[in-house]
N, C-alpha and C. Protein backbone atom coordinates (compact mmCIF):
# COMPACT_ATOMS: atom_id res chain seq x y z
N MET A 1 21.74 60.66 -8.78
CA MET A 1 20.43 60.06 -7.73
C MET A 1 21.15 58.28 -8.38
N HIS A 2 21.90 58.11 -9.69
CA HIS A 2 22.47 57.90 -9.41
C HIS A 2 23.88 56.71 -7.87
N ASP A 3 24.13 57.97 -7.87
CA ASP A 3 25.34 57.28 -7.07
C ASP A 3 24.49 57.57 -5.79
N ILE A 4 23.45 58.11 -5.49
CA ILE A 4 23.02 57.51 -3.77
C ILE A 4 22.44 56.63 -3.69
N THR A 5 21.41 56.23 -4.88
CA THR A 5 21.29 54.45 -5.00
C THR A 5 22.91 53.77 -5.20
N ASP A 6 23.53 53.99 -6.07
CA ASP A 6 24.26 52.99 -4.88
C ASP A 6 24.92 52.83 -3.64
N PHE A 7 24.81 54.18 -3.32
CA PHE A 7 25.84 53.98 -1.73
C PHE A 7 24.47 53.30 -0.75
N GLU A 8 23.54 53.99 -0.94
CA GLU A 8 22.01 52.92 -0.19
C GLU A 8 22.10 51.52 -0.30
N ARG A 9 22.18 51.03 -1.11
CA ARG A 9 22.41 49.93 -1.91
C ARG A 9 23.55 48.91 -0.98
N ARG A 10 24.42 49.88 -1.11
CA ARG A 10 26.06 49.22 -0.52
C ARG A 10 25.74 49.66 1.32
N GLY A 11 24.76 50.00 2.28
CA GLY A 11 24.91 50.13 2.89
C GLY A 11 25.18 51.43 3.55
N VAL A 12 25.65 52.51 2.38
CA VAL A 12 26.51 53.72 3.06
C VAL A 12 24.68 54.93 2.98
N PRO A 13 24.44 55.21 4.34
CA PRO A 13 23.06 56.00 4.81
C PRO A 13 23.93 57.75 3.54
N GLY A 14 22.91 57.96 2.93
CA GLY A 14 22.93 59.21 2.10
C GLY A 14 22.03 59.92 2.09
N VAL A 15 21.50 61.37 1.49
CA VAL A 15 20.43 62.32 1.41
C VAL A 15 21.48 63.05 -0.34
N PHE A 16 19.90 62.49 -1.00
CA PHE A 16 19.78 62.73 -2.17
C PHE A 16 19.81 64.52 -2.04
N VAL A 17 20.62 65.76 -2.49
CA VAL A 17 20.60 66.63 -2.63
C VAL A 17 20.45 67.57 -3.76
N ALA A 18 19.78 68.45 -4.21
CA ALA A 18 19.13 68.98 -5.44
C ALA A 18 18.65 70.57 -5.34
N SER A 19 18.54 71.23 -5.58
CA SER A 19 18.23 72.60 -5.91
C SER A 19 16.46 72.34 -6.47
N GLU A 20 15.69 73.35 -5.79
CA GLU A 20 14.30 72.62 -5.43
C GLU A 20 13.52 72.96 -7.00
N VAL A 21 13.72 73.14 -8.44
CA VAL A 21 13.80 73.40 -9.05
C VAL A 21 13.33 71.75 -9.65
N PHE A 22 14.26 70.86 -8.66
CA PHE A 22 14.68 68.61 -9.68
C PHE A 22 13.65 68.72 -8.57
N VAL A 23 12.15 68.83 -8.04
CA VAL A 23 11.85 67.91 -7.31
C VAL A 23 11.10 66.82 -7.77
N ASP A 24 10.74 67.04 -9.44
CA ASP A 24 9.92 66.37 -10.78
C ASP A 24 11.13 65.68 -10.87
N ALA A 25 12.01 66.16 -11.16
CA ALA A 25 13.10 64.84 -11.76
C ALA A 25 13.75 64.17 -11.50
N ALA A 26 13.96 64.17 -9.34
CA ALA A 26 14.26 63.73 -8.96
C ALA A 26 13.25 62.50 -9.13
N GLN A 27 12.49 62.72 -8.24
CA GLN A 27 11.26 62.04 -8.64
C GLN A 27 10.87 60.86 -9.70
N THR A 28 10.78 61.54 -10.41
CA THR A 28 10.61 61.15 -11.76
C THR A 28 12.49 59.47 -12.00
N GLN A 29 13.12 60.26 -11.64
CA GLN A 29 14.72 59.32 -11.84
C GLN A 29 14.66 58.07 -10.89
N GLY A 30 13.97 58.68 -9.42
CA GLY A 30 13.70 58.02 -8.30
C GLY A 30 12.55 56.54 -8.85
N GLU A 31 11.58 56.52 -9.51
CA GLU A 31 11.17 56.19 -10.18
C GLU A 31 11.60 54.22 -11.17
N ALA A 32 12.40 55.27 -12.06
CA ALA A 32 12.78 54.85 -12.66
C ALA A 32 13.71 53.58 -12.66
N LEU A 33 14.58 53.90 -11.10
CA LEU A 33 15.59 53.42 -10.53
C LEU A 33 15.09 52.01 -9.81
N GLY A 34 14.01 52.66 -9.21
CA GLY A 34 13.11 51.53 -8.28
C GLY A 34 13.48 52.35 -6.82
N PHE A 35 13.70 53.00 -6.78
CA PHE A 35 14.60 53.61 -5.34
C PHE A 35 14.01 55.40 -4.48
N GLN A 36 13.75 55.77 -3.48
CA GLN A 36 12.91 56.12 -3.15
C GLN A 36 13.83 57.25 -2.41
N PRO A 37 15.34 57.40 -2.87
CA PRO A 37 16.38 57.63 -1.44
C PRO A 37 15.39 58.78 -0.82
N ASP A 38 16.38 59.20 0.52
CA ASP A 38 15.73 60.50 1.64
C ASP A 38 16.34 61.52 0.56
N ARG A 39 15.25 62.78 0.42
CA ARG A 39 15.87 63.72 -0.51
C ARG A 39 15.41 65.11 0.35
N LEU A 40 16.71 65.91 -0.15
CA LEU A 40 16.27 67.18 0.63
C LEU A 40 16.40 68.79 -0.77
N PHE A 41 15.70 69.33 -0.73
CA PHE A 41 16.09 70.02 -1.77
C PHE A 41 15.96 71.91 -1.29
N VAL A 42 17.14 72.73 -1.94
CA VAL A 42 17.86 73.44 -1.57
C VAL A 42 16.91 75.00 -2.53
N GLU A 43 17.48 76.14 -1.84
CA GLU A 43 17.26 77.12 -2.96
C GLU A 43 17.30 77.28 -4.48
N HIS A 44 16.78 77.43 -5.43
CA HIS A 44 17.13 77.79 -6.82
C HIS A 44 17.19 79.06 -7.11
N PRO A 45 17.70 80.06 -7.83
CA PRO A 45 19.09 78.66 -8.79
C PRO A 45 20.15 78.76 -7.95
N ILE A 46 21.37 78.00 -7.63
CA ILE A 46 22.23 77.69 -7.61
C ILE A 46 24.02 78.59 -8.24
N GLN A 47 23.17 78.70 -9.65
CA GLN A 47 25.02 79.48 -10.85
C GLN A 47 24.65 80.55 -10.21
N ASP A 48 26.01 81.28 -10.45
CA ASP A 48 25.93 82.54 -10.43
C ASP A 48 25.60 83.06 -8.60
N ARG A 49 25.60 82.29 -7.51
CA ARG A 49 25.49 82.84 -6.10
C ARG A 49 27.50 83.52 -5.68
N THR A 50 27.07 83.93 -4.52
CA THR A 50 28.41 83.73 -4.40
C THR A 50 28.25 83.37 -3.32
N ASP A 51 29.82 83.33 -2.87
CA ASP A 51 30.22 82.41 -1.85
C ASP A 51 29.43 82.83 -0.42
N GLU A 52 28.71 83.97 -0.62
CA GLU A 52 28.08 84.44 1.16
C GLU A 52 26.50 83.53 0.54
N GLU A 53 26.61 83.33 -0.17
CA GLU A 53 24.79 83.45 -0.76
C GLU A 53 24.79 81.54 -0.34
N MET A 54 26.05 81.46 -1.36
CA MET A 54 26.16 79.48 -0.80
C MET A 54 26.52 79.02 0.28
N VAL A 55 27.34 79.84 2.05
CA VAL A 55 26.78 80.11 2.88
C VAL A 55 25.92 79.83 3.60
N ALA A 56 25.31 80.49 2.60
CA ALA A 56 23.82 80.32 4.28
C ALA A 56 23.06 80.08 3.65
N ILE A 57 23.08 78.97 1.86
CA ILE A 57 22.37 78.49 1.67
C ILE A 57 21.97 77.09 2.01
N ALA A 58 23.69 76.73 2.13
CA ALA A 58 23.83 75.94 3.40
C ALA A 58 24.06 75.26 4.53
N ASP A 59 23.96 76.61 5.48
CA ASP A 59 23.74 77.18 7.05
C ASP A 59 22.36 76.58 6.82
N ALA A 60 21.41 77.02 6.03
CA ALA A 60 20.10 77.20 6.25
C ALA A 60 19.81 75.59 5.77
N ALA A 61 20.53 74.42 5.22
CA ALA A 61 20.04 73.05 5.01
C ALA A 61 20.48 72.53 5.92
N VAL A 62 21.53 72.64 6.66
CA VAL A 62 22.86 71.19 7.51
C VAL A 62 22.11 70.56 8.44
N GLU A 63 20.81 71.09 9.21
CA GLU A 63 19.78 71.16 9.97
C GLU A 63 18.98 69.73 9.60
N ALA A 64 18.71 69.96 8.38
CA ALA A 64 17.85 68.68 8.09
C ALA A 64 17.72 67.96 7.57
N LEU A 65 19.65 67.84 7.16
CA LEU A 65 20.26 67.17 6.15
C LEU A 65 21.15 66.38 7.43
N ILE A 66 21.66 67.21 8.73
CA ILE A 66 22.28 66.15 9.61
C ILE A 66 20.77 64.99 10.27
N ASP A 67 19.27 65.65 10.38
CA ASP A 67 18.35 64.86 10.53
C ASP A 67 17.81 63.89 9.79
N LYS A 68 18.21 63.98 8.28
CA LYS A 68 17.56 63.17 7.55
C LYS A 68 18.65 61.97 7.50
N LEU A 69 20.21 62.31 7.43
CA LEU A 69 21.19 61.24 7.62
C LEU A 69 21.15 60.22 9.05
N GLN A 70 20.99 60.88 10.04
CA GLN A 70 20.52 60.71 11.55
C GLN A 70 19.58 59.44 11.47
N ALA A 71 18.11 59.83 10.85
CA ALA A 71 17.80 59.05 10.66
C ALA A 71 17.50 58.43 10.36
N GLY A 72 17.94 57.80 9.10
CA GLY A 72 18.24 56.27 7.72
C GLY A 72 19.60 56.05 8.36
N SER A 73 20.08 56.24 9.54
CA SER A 73 21.73 54.77 9.92
C SER A 73 20.31 54.16 11.21
């Protein structure tokens, strides 16, 4: 969250990406930083996924990620 906040404040568009278990934590951290970046949450868990499972998660999220990046530019 700190990195995306820094990038956005420097004018570099970005999207915070995390697994869905971190929705509440991202909201709380954003409030503490005084900034709510665009966020995208993917399925959880990530740990111990096979390469093929990670590719499927990324494939499912890429269009939403691109849309968020384009909307922010």
